[in-house]
Amino acid sequence: MTMAVTSTFQWQDYLVFGVMLLVSSVIGLYFGIKSKKRHTVSAEEMLTGSRNLPVLPVAMSLGASFTSATTILGIPAEVYLRGGEQWIWTLGLIPCFLIASFFIVPIFYKLHLTNAYEYLELRFNYFIRGLGSFLFAVIILVYMAAVLYAPAIALSQVTGLSREISILAMGAICTFYTSIGGIRAVVWTDAFQLVIVWAGLLTVMFKGAEDAGGWTRVWQISKEGSRLPKFDMNPDPFVRHTFWTLFIGGGFNMLTVYGANQANLQRYASVRTLWGARTALLLNLPMWIFYLTILCLMGLVMYVYYLTCDPLKTQKLKPDQLVPLFVLQTMGKFPGLPGLFLAAIFSASISTVSSGINSLAAVSLEDIFKPCFRCIFQTKPSARMTSLATIIMAIIVGCVTIALTYGADYIGNTAIQISFGIFGMVGGPLLGLIMSGIFFPFINSWGAAFGLLASLVVSLYVGIDPVINPAPKFSLPLRTDGCPLINATVWNVTNVYNNTTTIANQVVYNSTTTIANQVSFQSDRLYLSYIHYATLALIVSFTVGIIVSLITCCNKGKTIDERTYYHYSWLCSNKKIYKLKHEQRF
């Protein structure tokens, strides 16, 4: 098998890609014009769709919002290098979605909030709300920069597509249709883009499996190469991937997305009923299982396809560039198919960024524009002024995102660790703050503030320390003995497991055996698995929050809004749940 990239993008590929961008823009323009004709252009319409969006598109938008290029490029490469343990993450999604749908969504939905972090003001105070909004802004800006940058840099080095043009095109398209069409455009465009993503992934997976010799061979060789998921029941949180790490840590990490992120909490408020919001969320469980299964199978297919000629060694590629190379080599002979996958990767990024722009515009409107307007003019802004401010906020956020993306070289080493890291390090403390308010009625504002700050300091330390002092890298053995221009040798690949580095005594691939000298060293540092950042943040947040609240007499003498926390008396009585009335808030 020749490893040189002989196929490049042709005009048919750019046509497919261009059509995807055009359709996304047309959808935004359509809803913008439609809203103006109906005279319904308002902040409520722009940010929540007047709370009457259909369930299925909202469900698809919830899935597409965080179906990003970072996971499309990162998870198959992770499986290729280290095995298919990422699939176990699907099991951790089950309790995550159940907790979010039955405990968190009802609280937020019944409060009828545009800015989800207004909940923190109702439960605690305005200062806590400001902290929550600030943390969300940090999360979403860094994450949007990552999902714009990752596909642009990977594709530019493999296909020759300009990185600067890629970033500008994606950012400009997102900003355009989000600012013009609001959340309706975002939801319907997300639904369209999710179909593109699935079509592209399935096409690549089945074509790659065919080229690799069929699914039976893929499964057999993956088993021999230790690439299938291994249910390691080791509870040690310092081991990178075990069953418990992926089940518990992966579940909590995803809960930061669906239980504490404005982009999704805003969508729950955009459907007509609580039942609809809960259904839209639960539909994402099978979607995510399907999505992660496809990505893991792609990793297995790539491993078998490159069984005897690893392109990471022979072509000096980065792991995030492996998927684009694989696409070109398996589908390059079919004009238009590489363009379909390019459209899938960019669709995943665009759907994520558009959701982030819309949600951050909502937070900026409520926490920056309205308070400043009231302070300066001593009155509330008119509906027209609020609508115009929403559009301007969306444009500003889009421009800031594009600017940050050009400096994204400094935000991480690999795509998947960027996305997991930011949600764990910053999203974990934010989730702990919200869950403290919902599940612990006695926690007061002092406990919430100290719990948030303590968990933020701890999670930032464990997340940033490995960047300053990198951990030894673990990778399963890869081969280059089948490359036509390289001597028939098997590369000795460093194996690091539980902070101990060894080179395997015996590596067997298709009856080819090599003996390697055994070397080892013991690391003097402990590295918490990056998937457990959110778990650690929750533990610290709850512990500190409870202790500080007890020291400061909890909520003695204070009146707490009963709508903002879970009433455990509901478990042992037939008392009806308090029916919430919509309160007009400015």
Protein backbone atom coordinates (compact mmCIF):
# COMPACT_ATOMS: atom_id res chain seq x y z
CA MET A 1 0.00 0.00 0.00
CA THR A 2 1.45 3.34 -0.97
CA MET A 3 1.24 5.95 1.73
CA ALA A 4 1.62 9.02 -0.43
CA VAL A 5 -1.48 11.12 -0.80
CA THR A 6 -2.14 10.80 -4.49
CA SER A 7 -5.68 12.15 -4.37
CA THR A 8 -6.54 15.78 -3.89
CA PHE A 9 -9.77 17.73 -3.76
CA GLN A 10 -11.42 18.26 -7.13
CA TRP A 11 -14.04 20.76 -8.23
CA GLN A 12 -16.84 18.29 -7.40
CA ASP A 13 -15.65 18.17 -3.78
CA TYR A 14 -15.60 21.94 -3.46
CA LEU A 15 -19.06 22.04 -5.07
CA VAL A 16 -20.50 19.68 -2.42
CA PHE A 17 -18.83 21.70 0.31
CA GLY A 18 -20.07 24.99 -1.18
CA VAL A 19 -23.66 23.71 -1.42
CA MET A 20 -23.60 22.84 2.28
CA LEU A 21 -22.49 26.35 3.21
CA LEU A 22 -25.06 27.87 0.85
CA VAL A 23 -27.95 25.84 2.28
CA SER A 24 -26.94 26.81 5.83
CA SER A 25 -26.97 30.49 4.84
CA VAL A 26 -30.31 30.18 3.02
CA ILE A 27 -31.95 28.60 6.07
CA GLY A 28 -30.86 31.52 8.23
CA LEU A 29 -31.96 34.06 5.65
CA TYR A 30 -35.33 32.32 5.26
CA PHE A 31 -36.18 32.46 8.95
CA GLY A 32 -34.93 36.03 9.22
CA ILE A 33 -37.23 37.17 6.38
CA LYS A 34 -40.12 35.05 7.65
CA SER A 35 -39.91 36.58 11.12
CA LYS A 36 -39.87 40.11 9.73
CA LYS A 37 -42.95 39.43 7.57
CA ARG A 38 -44.81 38.20 10.65
CA HIS A 39 -43.57 41.15 12.72
CA THR A 40 -42.23 38.74 15.33
CA VAL A 41 -38.63 39.91 15.45
CA SER A 42 -38.01 40.16 19.20
CA ALA A 43 -35.43 38.96 21.69
CA GLU A 44 -37.86 36.22 22.75
CA GLU A 45 -38.17 35.06 19.14
CA MET A 46 -34.45 35.32 18.43
CA LEU A 47 -33.37 33.44 21.55
CA THR A 48 -36.17 30.95 22.30
CA GLY A 49 -38.24 30.85 19.09
CA SER A 50 -41.22 32.18 21.06
CA ARG A 51 -41.12 28.84 22.91
CA ASN A 52 -43.01 26.90 20.22
CA LEU A 53 -40.35 25.02 18.24
CA PRO A 54 -41.08 21.39 17.25
CA VAL A 55 -39.52 18.63 19.33
CA LEU A 56 -37.64 16.62 16.69
CA PRO A 57 -35.60 19.50 15.20
CA VAL A 58 -34.77 20.67 18.73
CA ALA A 59 -33.64 17.12 19.60
CA MET A 60 -31.41 17.02 16.51
CA SER A 61 -30.08 20.48 17.35
CA LEU A 62 -29.22 19.34 20.88
CA GLY A 63 -27.20 16.51 19.37
CA ALA A 64 -25.58 18.59 16.66
CA SER A 65 -24.58 21.41 19.01
CA PHE A 66 -21.79 19.33 20.54
CA THR A 67 -21.25 16.86 17.70
CA SER A 68 -18.12 18.74 16.85
CA ALA A 69 -15.16 18.26 14.55
CA THR A 70 -13.03 17.68 17.65
CA THR A 71 -14.76 14.37 18.30
CA ILE A 72 -14.88 13.41 14.60
CA LEU A 73 -11.12 13.92 14.29
CA GLY A 74 -10.17 12.92 17.83
CA ILE A 75 -12.07 9.74 18.74
CA PRO A 76 -11.12 7.63 15.67
CA ALA A 77 -7.48 8.67 16.18
CA GLU A 78 -7.76 7.75 19.87
CA VAL A 79 -9.07 4.28 18.95
CA TYR A 80 -6.34 3.91 16.32
CA LEU A 81 -3.58 4.73 18.82
CA ARG A 82 -4.86 3.40 22.13
CA GLY A 83 -7.83 1.11 21.57
CA GLY A 84 -11.63 1.31 21.62
CA GLU A 85 -12.25 2.09 25.29
CA GLN A 86 -13.96 5.33 24.25
CA TRP A 87 -17.04 3.27 23.35
CA ILE A 88 -17.61 2.53 27.07
CA TRP A 89 -18.45 6.21 27.36
CA THR A 90 -21.85 5.36 25.84
CA LEU A 91 -22.77 3.49 29.04
CA GLY A 92 -22.05 6.57 31.13
CA LEU A 93 -24.47 8.58 29.01
CA ILE A 94 -27.47 6.66 30.38
CA PRO A 95 -27.42 8.04 33.96
CA CYS A 96 -26.32 11.42 32.59
CA PHE A 97 -29.40 11.88 30.42
CA LEU A 98 -31.73 10.49 33.10
CA ILE A 99 -30.44 12.94 35.72
CA ALA A 100 -30.64 15.88 33.31
CA SER A 101 -34.11 15.07 31.97
CA PHE A 102 -35.88 14.22 35.23
CA PHE A 103 -34.19 16.54 37.73
CA ILE A 104 -32.47 19.48 36.01
CA VAL A 105 -34.67 20.21 32.98
CA PRO A 106 -37.94 20.55 35.00
CA ILE A 107 -36.41 23.20 37.26
CA PHE A 108 -35.13 25.34 34.40
CA TYR A 109 -38.09 24.84 32.09
CA LYS A 110 -40.71 25.91 34.61
CA LEU A 111 -38.83 29.09 35.49
CA HIS A 112 -39.21 30.35 31.87
CA LEU A 113 -35.72 31.87 31.75
CA THR A 114 -33.96 33.17 28.65
CA ASN A 115 -30.60 33.23 30.42
CA ALA A 116 -30.26 29.94 32.28
CA TYR A 117 -27.88 31.48 34.81
CA GLU A 118 -30.62 33.77 36.00
CA TYR A 119 -31.49 30.66 38.03
CA LEU A 120 -28.39 31.32 40.12
CA GLU A 121 -29.70 34.75 41.05
CA LEU A 122 -33.08 33.31 42.06
CA ARG A 123 -31.43 30.57 44.13
CA PHE A 124 -28.47 32.53 45.54
CA ASN A 125 -27.72 36.12 44.51
CA TYR A 126 -26.66 38.33 41.62
CA PHE A 127 -22.95 37.88 42.32
CA ILE A 128 -23.23 34.09 41.95
CA ARG A 129 -25.16 34.62 38.72
CA GLY A 130 -22.36 36.80 37.39
CA LEU A 131 -19.79 34.12 38.20
CA GLY A 132 -21.87 31.49 36.40
CA SER A 133 -22.30 33.63 33.30
CA PHE A 134 -18.59 34.46 33.22
CA LEU A 135 -17.58 30.79 33.45
CA PHE A 136 -19.99 29.89 30.66
CA ALA A 137 -18.50 32.62 28.46
CA VAL A 138 -15.00 31.20 29.06
CA ILE A 139 -16.16 27.65 28.27
CA ILE A 140 -18.02 28.46 25.09
CA LEU A 141 -15.45 30.88 23.65
CA VAL A 142 -12.54 28.46 24.15
CA TYR A 143 -14.59 25.53 22.89
CA MET A 144 -15.80 27.40 19.79
CA ALA A 145 -12.23 28.43 19.01
CA ALA A 146 -11.15 24.78 19.36
CA VAL A 147 -13.87 23.40 17.09
CA LEU A 148 -13.12 26.01 14.43
CA TYR A 149 -9.38 25.56 14.65
CA ALA A 150 -9.14 21.75 14.79
CA PRO A 151 -10.68 20.94 11.38
CA ALA A 152 -9.06 23.97 9.73
CA ILE A 153 -5.51 23.02 10.72
CA ALA A 154 -5.98 19.30 10.06
CA LEU A 155 -7.56 19.75 6.64
CA SER A 156 -5.13 22.47 5.56
CA GLN A 157 -2.13 20.22 6.08
CA VAL A 158 -3.70 17.18 4.40
CA THR A 159 -5.81 18.69 1.61
CA GLY A 160 -4.05 22.00 1.04
CA LEU A 161 -7.21 23.96 1.91
CA SER A 162 -6.18 27.31 3.40
CA ARG A 163 -6.48 27.37 7.18
CA GLU A 164 -7.26 31.09 7.28
CA ILE A 165 -9.97 30.77 4.62
CA SER A 166 -11.49 27.77 6.42
CA ILE A 167 -11.72 29.59 9.74
CA LEU A 168 -13.10 32.76 8.15
CA ALA A 169 -15.67 30.86 6.04
CA MET A 170 -17.02 28.83 8.97
CA GLY A 171 -17.06 31.76 11.37
CA ALA A 172 -18.68 34.16 8.90
CA ILE A 173 -21.41 31.69 7.87
CA CYS A 174 -22.26 30.94 11.53
CA THR A 175 -22.38 34.60 12.47
CA PHE A 176 -24.52 35.47 9.44
CA TYR A 177 -27.36 32.99 9.81
CA THR A 178 -27.37 33.10 13.61
CA SER A 179 -27.66 36.89 13.78
CA ILE A 180 -30.29 37.01 11.03
CA GLY A 181 -32.47 34.00 11.83
CA GLY A 182 -31.97 33.53 15.57
CA ILE A 183 -32.51 30.20 17.27
CA ARG A 184 -34.98 29.01 14.62
CA ALA A 185 -32.22 29.21 12.03
CA VAL A 186 -29.78 27.56 14.42
CA VAL A 187 -32.13 24.66 15.21
CA TRP A 188 -33.15 23.92 11.61
CA THR A 189 -29.62 24.37 10.30
CA ASP A 190 -28.32 22.05 13.04
CA ALA A 191 -30.85 19.42 11.96
CA PHE A 192 -29.72 19.70 8.33
CA GLN A 193 -26.06 19.61 9.31
CA LEU A 194 -26.53 16.57 11.55
CA VAL A 195 -27.85 14.64 8.54
CA ILE A 196 -24.75 15.71 6.59
CA VAL A 197 -22.49 14.56 9.44
CA TRP A 198 -24.11 11.12 9.66
CA ALA A 199 -24.07 10.68 5.88
CA GLY A 200 -20.38 11.57 5.67
CA LEU A 201 -19.36 9.35 8.58
CA LEU A 202 -21.32 6.32 7.37
CA THR A 203 -19.94 6.68 3.84
CA VAL A 204 -16.35 6.78 5.06
CA MET A 205 -16.85 3.94 7.54
CA PHE A 206 -18.38 1.47 5.06
CA LYS A 207 -16.02 2.40 2.20
CA GLY A 208 -13.02 2.09 4.52
CA ALA A 209 -14.19 -1.30 5.83
CA GLU A 210 -14.56 -2.55 2.27
CA ASP A 211 -11.03 -1.42 1.38
CA ALA A 212 -9.67 -2.98 4.59
CA GLY A 213 -11.01 -6.42 3.65
CA GLY A 214 -14.48 -6.50 5.18
CA TRP A 215 -15.92 -6.32 8.67
CA THR A 216 -14.85 -9.85 9.63
CA ARG A 217 -11.20 -9.01 8.99
CA VAL A 218 -11.56 -5.63 10.70
CA TRP A 219 -12.93 -7.25 13.83
CA GLN A 220 -10.40 -10.10 13.90
CA ILE A 221 -7.31 -7.95 13.39
CA SER A 222 -8.59 -5.32 15.82
CA LYS A 223 -8.95 -8.07 18.41
CA GLU A 224 -5.41 -9.33 17.76
CA GLY A 225 -4.09 -5.77 18.00
CA SER A 226 -5.88 -5.05 21.32
CA ARG A 227 -8.01 -2.32 19.74
CA LEU A 228 -11.39 -3.63 20.89
CA PRO A 229 -12.88 -2.09 24.07
CA LYS A 230 -11.35 -3.56 27.22
CA PHE A 231 -13.56 -3.49 30.30
CA ASP A 232 -10.79 -2.72 32.76
CA MET A 233 -12.51 -2.58 36.17
CA ASN A 234 -9.59 -0.84 37.86
CA PRO A 235 -11.12 1.99 39.99
CA ASP A 236 -7.86 4.00 40.00
CA PRO A 237 -8.80 7.52 38.72
CA PHE A 238 -5.19 8.12 37.67
CA VAL A 239 -5.41 5.49 34.93
CA ARG A 240 -6.35 7.29 31.72
CA HIS A 241 -9.15 5.02 30.48
CA THR A 242 -10.87 2.32 32.56
CA PHE A 243 -14.49 1.23 32.73
CA TRP A 244 -15.17 3.32 35.83
CA THR A 245 -13.31 6.35 34.49
CA LEU A 246 -15.38 6.38 31.30
CA PHE A 247 -18.66 5.40 33.00
CA ILE A 248 -18.52 7.85 35.92
CA GLY A 249 -16.20 10.53 34.58
CA GLY A 250 -17.64 10.40 31.07
CA GLY A 251 -21.17 10.67 32.43
CA PHE A 252 -20.40 13.69 34.60
CA ASN A 253 -18.44 15.29 31.77
CA MET A 254 -21.45 15.02 29.47
CA LEU A 255 -23.70 16.30 32.26
CA THR A 256 -21.74 19.56 32.18
CA VAL A 257 -23.00 19.90 28.58
CA TYR A 258 -26.64 18.90 29.04
CA GLY A 259 -27.18 20.05 32.62
CA ALA A 260 -25.20 23.27 33.02
CA ASN A 261 -24.64 24.76 29.57
CA GLN A 262 -26.70 27.71 28.33
CA ALA A 263 -26.60 26.47 24.73
CA ASN A 264 -28.66 23.42 25.65
CA LEU A 265 -30.65 24.83 28.56
CA GLN A 266 -31.85 27.52 26.14
CA ARG A 267 -33.17 24.83 23.78
CA TYR A 268 -35.19 23.15 26.52
CA ALA A 269 -37.05 26.45 26.88
CA SER A 270 -37.76 26.67 23.13
CA VAL A 271 -40.37 23.88 22.97
CA ARG A 272 -44.00 24.16 23.99
CA THR A 273 -44.15 21.79 26.98
CA LEU A 274 -41.97 20.20 29.65
CA TRP A 275 -42.80 16.82 28.13
CA GLY A 276 -41.45 18.05 24.81
CA ALA A 277 -38.24 19.36 26.40
CA ARG A 278 -37.67 16.08 28.21
CA THR A 279 -38.40 14.06 25.05
CA ALA A 280 -36.00 16.16 22.99
CA LEU A 281 -33.25 15.51 25.51
CA LEU A 282 -33.88 11.76 25.86
CA LEU A 283 -33.84 11.33 22.08
CA ASN A 284 -30.21 12.38 22.23
CA LEU A 285 -29.27 9.22 24.13
CA PRO A 286 -29.66 6.85 21.14
CA MET A 287 -28.23 9.55 18.86
CA TRP A 288 -25.04 9.78 20.92
CA ILE A 289 -24.70 5.99 21.19
CA PHE A 290 -25.06 5.74 17.40
CA TYR A 291 -22.58 8.58 16.86
CA LEU A 292 -19.90 7.24 19.21
CA THR A 293 -20.27 3.72 17.82
CA ILE A 294 -19.62 5.01 14.28
CA LEU A 295 -16.54 6.95 15.40
CA CYS A 296 -15.09 3.95 17.27
CA LEU A 297 -15.72 1.66 14.29
CA MET A 298 -13.96 4.20 12.07
CA GLY A 299 -10.94 3.98 14.37
CA LEU A 300 -10.89 0.19 14.04
CA VAL A 301 -11.22 0.42 10.26
CA MET A 302 -8.32 2.89 10.07
CA TYR A 303 -6.16 0.62 12.23
CA VAL A 304 -6.69 -2.34 9.89
CA TYR A 305 -6.31 -0.19 6.77
CA TYR A 306 -2.93 1.11 8.00
CA LEU A 307 -1.98 -2.17 9.68
CA THR A 308 1.56 -2.45 8.26
CA CYS A 309 2.25 1.17 7.34
CA ASP A 310 1.50 3.72 10.04
CA PRO A 311 1.16 7.21 8.46
CA LEU A 312 1.84 8.95 11.77
CA LYS A 313 5.41 7.67 11.56
CA THR A 314 5.99 7.61 7.82
CA GLN A 315 4.40 10.97 6.99
CA LYS A 316 5.02 12.74 10.32
CA LEU A 317 1.33 13.52 10.76
CA LYS A 318 -0.41 14.58 13.92
CA PRO A 319 -3.21 12.30 15.20
CA ASP A 320 -5.88 14.90 14.31
CA GLN A 321 -4.79 14.72 10.66
CA LEU A 322 -5.24 10.96 10.40
CA VAL A 323 -8.96 11.00 9.56
CA PRO A 324 -8.67 13.52 6.66
CA LEU A 325 -5.78 11.48 5.20
CA PHE A 326 -7.83 8.29 5.48
CA VAL A 327 -10.74 9.97 3.68
CA LEU A 328 -8.56 11.10 0.80
CA GLN A 329 -6.93 7.69 0.37
CA THR A 330 -10.16 5.66 0.52
CA MET A 331 -12.54 7.99 -1.33
CA GLY A 332 -10.25 10.18 -3.44
CA LYS A 333 -11.06 8.22 -6.60
CA PHE A 334 -14.73 9.16 -6.30
CA PRO A 335 -15.13 12.90 -6.96
CA GLY A 336 -17.57 14.47 -4.53
CA LEU A 337 -17.23 11.92 -1.72
CA PRO A 338 -14.24 13.61 -0.06
CA GLY A 339 -16.21 16.82 -0.36
CA LEU A 340 -19.11 15.13 1.45
CA PHE A 341 -16.86 14.28 4.37
CA LEU A 342 -15.37 17.77 4.33
CA ALA A 343 -18.94 19.07 4.53
CA ALA A 344 -19.59 16.69 7.45
CA ILE A 345 -16.59 17.95 9.42
CA PHE A 346 -17.39 21.59 8.75
CA SER A 347 -21.10 20.99 9.48
CA ALA A 348 -20.18 19.60 12.88
CA SER A 349 -18.09 22.68 13.61
CA ILE A 350 -20.64 25.14 12.26
CA SER A 351 -23.50 23.64 14.28
CA THR A 352 -21.44 23.90 17.47
CA VAL A 353 -20.32 27.46 16.83
CA SER A 354 -23.77 28.72 15.81
CA SER A 355 -25.26 27.31 19.02
CA GLY A 356 -22.51 28.93 21.04
CA ILE A 357 -22.99 32.31 19.37
CA ASN A 358 -26.74 32.26 19.98
CA SER A 359 -26.44 31.17 23.61
CA LEU A 360 -23.66 33.63 24.44
CA ALA A 361 -25.71 36.39 22.82
CA ALA A 362 -28.56 35.48 25.19
CA VAL A 363 -26.28 35.66 28.23
CA SER A 364 -24.74 38.96 27.05
CA LEU A 365 -28.17 40.47 26.47
CA GLU A 366 -29.44 39.64 29.96
CA ASP A 367 -26.24 40.21 31.94
CA ILE A 368 -24.59 43.09 30.07
CA PHE A 369 -26.93 45.03 27.80
CA LYS A 370 -30.09 45.19 29.93
CA PRO A 371 -28.35 46.13 33.22
CA CYS A 372 -26.24 48.77 31.47
CA PHE A 373 -29.25 50.19 29.65
CA ARG A 374 -31.28 50.45 32.89
CA CYS A 375 -28.31 52.04 34.68
CA ILE A 376 -27.79 54.70 31.99
CA PHE A 377 -31.38 55.50 30.94
CA GLN A 378 -33.25 54.53 34.15
CA THR A 379 -35.75 52.50 32.16
CA LYS A 380 -36.05 49.14 30.47
CA PRO A 381 -35.19 48.84 26.75
CA SER A 382 -37.99 48.58 24.21
CA ALA A 383 -38.71 45.35 22.35
CA ARG A 384 -37.20 46.79 19.17
CA MET A 385 -34.08 47.95 20.99
CA THR A 386 -33.70 44.54 22.66
CA SER A 387 -34.05 42.76 19.32
CA LEU A 388 -31.43 44.98 17.70
CA ALA A 389 -29.11 44.46 20.66
CA THR A 390 -29.49 40.68 20.30
CA ILE A 391 -28.38 40.83 16.66
CA ILE A 392 -25.43 43.07 17.52
CA MET A 393 -24.41 40.79 20.38
CA ALA A 394 -24.45 37.76 18.04
CA ILE A 395 -22.25 39.58 15.51
CA ILE A 396 -19.78 40.66 18.21
CA VAL A 397 -19.56 37.14 19.65
CA GLY A 398 -18.99 35.72 16.16
CA CYS A 399 -16.16 38.17 15.46
CA VAL A 400 -14.52 37.48 18.83
CA THR A 401 -14.71 33.73 18.14
CA ILE A 402 -12.99 34.12 14.77
CA ALA A 403 -10.28 36.27 16.36
CA LEU A 404 -9.67 33.74 19.14
CA THR A 405 -9.48 30.90 16.64
CA TYR A 406 -6.47 32.45 14.93
CA GLY A 407 -4.64 32.14 18.25
CA ALA A 408 -5.87 28.64 19.01
CA ASP A 409 -2.38 27.14 18.73
CA TYR A 410 -2.03 27.91 22.43
CA ILE A 411 -5.13 26.15 23.79
CA GLY A 412 -4.08 22.53 23.70
CA ASN A 413 -2.23 19.65 22.12
CA THR A 414 -4.95 17.48 20.62
CA ALA A 415 -8.52 18.16 19.58
CA ILE A 416 -10.27 15.71 21.88
CA GLN A 417 -8.33 16.77 24.99
CA ILE A 418 -9.18 20.41 24.31
CA SER A 419 -12.91 19.72 24.26
CA PHE A 420 -12.93 17.33 27.22
CA GLY A 421 -10.53 19.48 29.21
CA ILE A 422 -12.44 22.76 29.01
CA PHE A 423 -15.78 21.20 29.95
CA GLY A 424 -14.22 19.34 32.85
CA MET A 425 -12.00 22.13 34.20
CA VAL A 426 -14.54 24.96 33.95
CA GLY A 427 -17.85 23.23 33.21
CA GLY A 428 -17.41 20.88 36.17
CA PRO A 429 -17.39 23.69 38.78
CA LEU A 430 -20.35 25.33 37.02
CA LEU A 431 -22.28 22.04 37.10
CA GLY A 432 -21.39 21.66 40.78
CA LEU A 433 -22.80 25.13 41.47
CA ILE A 434 -26.10 24.39 39.73
CA MET A 435 -26.49 20.91 41.25
CA SER A 436 -25.70 22.31 44.71
CA GLY A 437 -28.61 24.71 44.31
CA ILE A 438 -31.00 22.04 43.02
CA PHE A 439 -30.18 19.08 45.30
CA PHE A 440 -29.01 20.75 48.54
CA PRO A 441 -31.64 23.26 49.76
CA PHE A 442 -29.56 24.16 52.83
CA ILE A 443 -26.54 25.38 50.84
CA ASN A 444 -26.41 29.17 50.99
CA SER A 445 -24.71 31.77 48.81
CA TRP A 446 -21.51 31.64 50.89
CA GLY A 447 -21.28 27.89 50.46
CA ALA A 448 -22.07 28.16 46.75
CA ALA A 449 -19.40 30.82 46.17
CA PHE A 450 -16.64 29.06 48.10
CA GLY A 451 -17.59 25.69 46.58
CA LEU A 452 -17.40 27.15 43.10
CA LEU A 453 -14.07 28.89 43.63
CA ALA A 454 -12.46 25.90 45.39
CA SER A 455 -13.54 23.45 42.70
CA LEU A 456 -12.40 25.85 39.98
CA VAL A 457 -8.93 26.23 41.52
CA VAL A 458 -8.50 22.47 42.00
CA SER A 459 -9.80 21.49 38.55
CA LEU A 460 -7.70 24.16 36.81
CA TYR A 461 -4.61 22.91 38.63
CA VAL A 462 -5.09 19.26 37.69
CA GLY A 463 -5.94 20.28 34.12
CA ILE A 464 -3.14 22.78 33.53
CA ASP A 465 -0.36 20.89 35.34
CA PRO A 466 -0.12 18.16 32.63
CA VAL A 467 0.30 20.91 30.03
CA ILE A 468 3.25 22.41 31.92
CA ASN A 469 4.62 19.00 32.94
CA PRO A 470 3.45 16.62 30.19
CA ALA A 471 2.62 13.07 31.17
CA PRO A 472 4.35 10.18 29.36
CA LYS A 473 2.29 9.29 26.30
CA PHE A 474 0.68 5.89 25.97
CA SER A 475 0.16 4.23 22.62
CA LEU A 476 -0.31 0.66 21.48
CA PRO A 477 2.25 -0.72 18.99
CA LEU A 478 2.05 0.39 15.35
CA ARG A 479 3.90 -0.97 12.33
CA THR A 480 5.74 0.35 9.29
CA ASP A 481 7.16 -2.91 7.91
CA GLY A 482 4.65 -2.89 5.03
CA CYS A 483 5.61 0.52 3.69
CA PRO A 484 7.22 0.20 0.23
CA LEU A 485 9.93 2.80 0.85
CA ILE A 486 10.81 1.80 4.41
CA ASN A 487 12.75 -1.19 5.66
CA ALA A 488 10.63 -4.00 7.00
CA THR A 489 10.82 -3.22 10.69
CA VAL A 490 8.36 -2.89 13.50
CA TRP A 491 8.54 0.39 15.41
CA ASN A 492 9.05 0.04 19.14
CA VAL A 493 6.21 2.14 20.51
CA THR A 494 6.35 3.39 24.04
CA ASN A 495 3.67 1.91 26.26
CA VAL A 496 2.74 3.86 29.35
CA TYR A 497 0.19 2.32 31.64
CA ASN A 498 -0.49 3.56 35.13
CA ASN A 499 2.58 5.81 34.98
CA THR A 500 4.95 2.93 34.11
CA THR A 501 6.61 2.93 30.68
CA THR A 502 7.54 -0.36 29.01
CA ILE A 503 8.24 -1.67 25.55
CA ALA A 504 6.42 -4.93 25.10
CA ASN A 505 8.53 -8.08 25.17
CA GLN A 506 6.57 -9.60 22.35
CA VAL A 507 4.25 -7.97 19.81
CA VAL A 508 2.32 -10.20 17.44
CA TYR A 509 0.57 -9.03 14.26
CA ASN A 510 -0.56 -11.51 11.59
CA SER A 511 2.08 -14.07 12.59
CA THR A 512 4.82 -11.38 12.49
CA THR A 513 6.72 -11.34 15.77
CA THR A 514 9.37 -8.96 17.02
CA ILE A 515 11.33 -9.12 20.25
CA ALA A 516 12.16 -5.82 21.91
CA ASN A 517 14.41 -5.04 24.83
CA GLN A 518 12.52 -4.26 28.01
CA VAL A 519 12.95 -0.79 29.46
CA SER A 520 10.93 0.98 32.12
CA PHE A 521 10.81 4.01 34.35
CA GLN A 522 8.47 5.15 37.11
CA SER A 523 6.95 8.61 36.89
CA ASP A 524 7.17 10.70 40.05
CA ARG A 525 3.94 12.55 39.29
CA LEU A 526 0.31 11.52 39.40
CA TYR A 527 -1.91 12.54 36.48
CA LEU A 528 -5.66 12.41 37.05
CA SER A 529 -7.49 11.10 34.00
CA TYR A 530 -8.71 14.08 31.96
CA ILE A 531 -12.18 12.52 31.90
CA HIS A 532 -12.39 12.82 35.71
CA TYR A 533 -11.90 16.59 35.85
CA ALA A 534 -15.67 17.13 36.17
CA THR A 535 -15.94 14.35 38.79
CA LEU A 536 -13.28 16.00 40.94
CA ALA A 537 -14.91 19.42 40.52
CA LEU A 538 -18.27 18.06 41.72
CA ILE A 539 -16.75 16.38 44.78
CA VAL A 540 -14.88 19.53 45.81
CA SER A 541 -17.87 21.79 45.09
CA PHE A 542 -20.30 19.70 47.15
CA THR A 543 -17.87 19.16 50.04
CA VAL A 544 -16.77 22.78 50.41
CA GLY A 545 -20.28 24.10 49.76
CA ILE A 546 -21.81 21.94 52.50
CA ILE A 547 -19.08 22.69 55.07
CA VAL A 548 -19.13 26.47 54.50
CA SER A 549 -22.95 26.53 54.56
CA LEU A 550 -23.02 24.69 57.89
CA ILE A 551 -20.45 27.08 59.34
CA THR A 552 -22.49 30.11 58.17
CA CYS A 553 -25.79 28.73 59.54
CA CYS A 554 -27.10 27.58 56.15
CA ASN A 555 -30.17 29.61 55.15
CA LYS A 556 -31.40 30.42 58.63
CA GLY A 557 -33.58 33.49 58.58
CA LYS A 558 -33.62 33.65 54.77
CA THR A 559 -36.48 32.98 52.38
CA ILE A 560 -35.48 30.68 49.53
CA ASP A 561 -37.59 30.52 46.36
CA GLU A 562 -39.21 27.07 46.53
CA ARG A 563 -39.15 26.78 42.74
CA THR A 564 -35.36 26.63 42.64
CA TYR A 565 -34.61 23.41 44.51
CA TYR A 566 -35.76 19.83 44.68
CA HIS A 567 -38.32 19.04 47.38
CA TYR A 568 -37.51 15.66 48.87
CA SER A 569 -40.92 15.60 50.56
CA TRP A 570 -42.37 14.78 47.14
CA LEU A 571 -40.98 11.26 47.58
CA CYS A 572 -43.19 10.50 50.57
CA SER A 573 -46.34 12.53 50.01
CA ASN A 574 -49.06 13.00 47.45
CA LYS A 575 -48.64 16.76 47.50
CA LYS A 576 -48.92 18.21 44.02
CA ILE A 577 -45.89 19.91 42.57
CA TYR A 578 -46.09 23.66 42.85
CA LYS A 579 -47.39 25.03 39.58
CA LEU A 580 -45.13 27.77 38.38
CA LYS A 581 -46.42 30.99 36.98
CA HIS A 582 -44.48 32.82 34.36
CA GLU A 583 -42.87 35.92 35.82
CA GLN A 584 -41.94 38.72 33.49
CA ARG A 585 -38.35 39.59 34.31
CA PHE A 586 -36.32 42.49 32.96
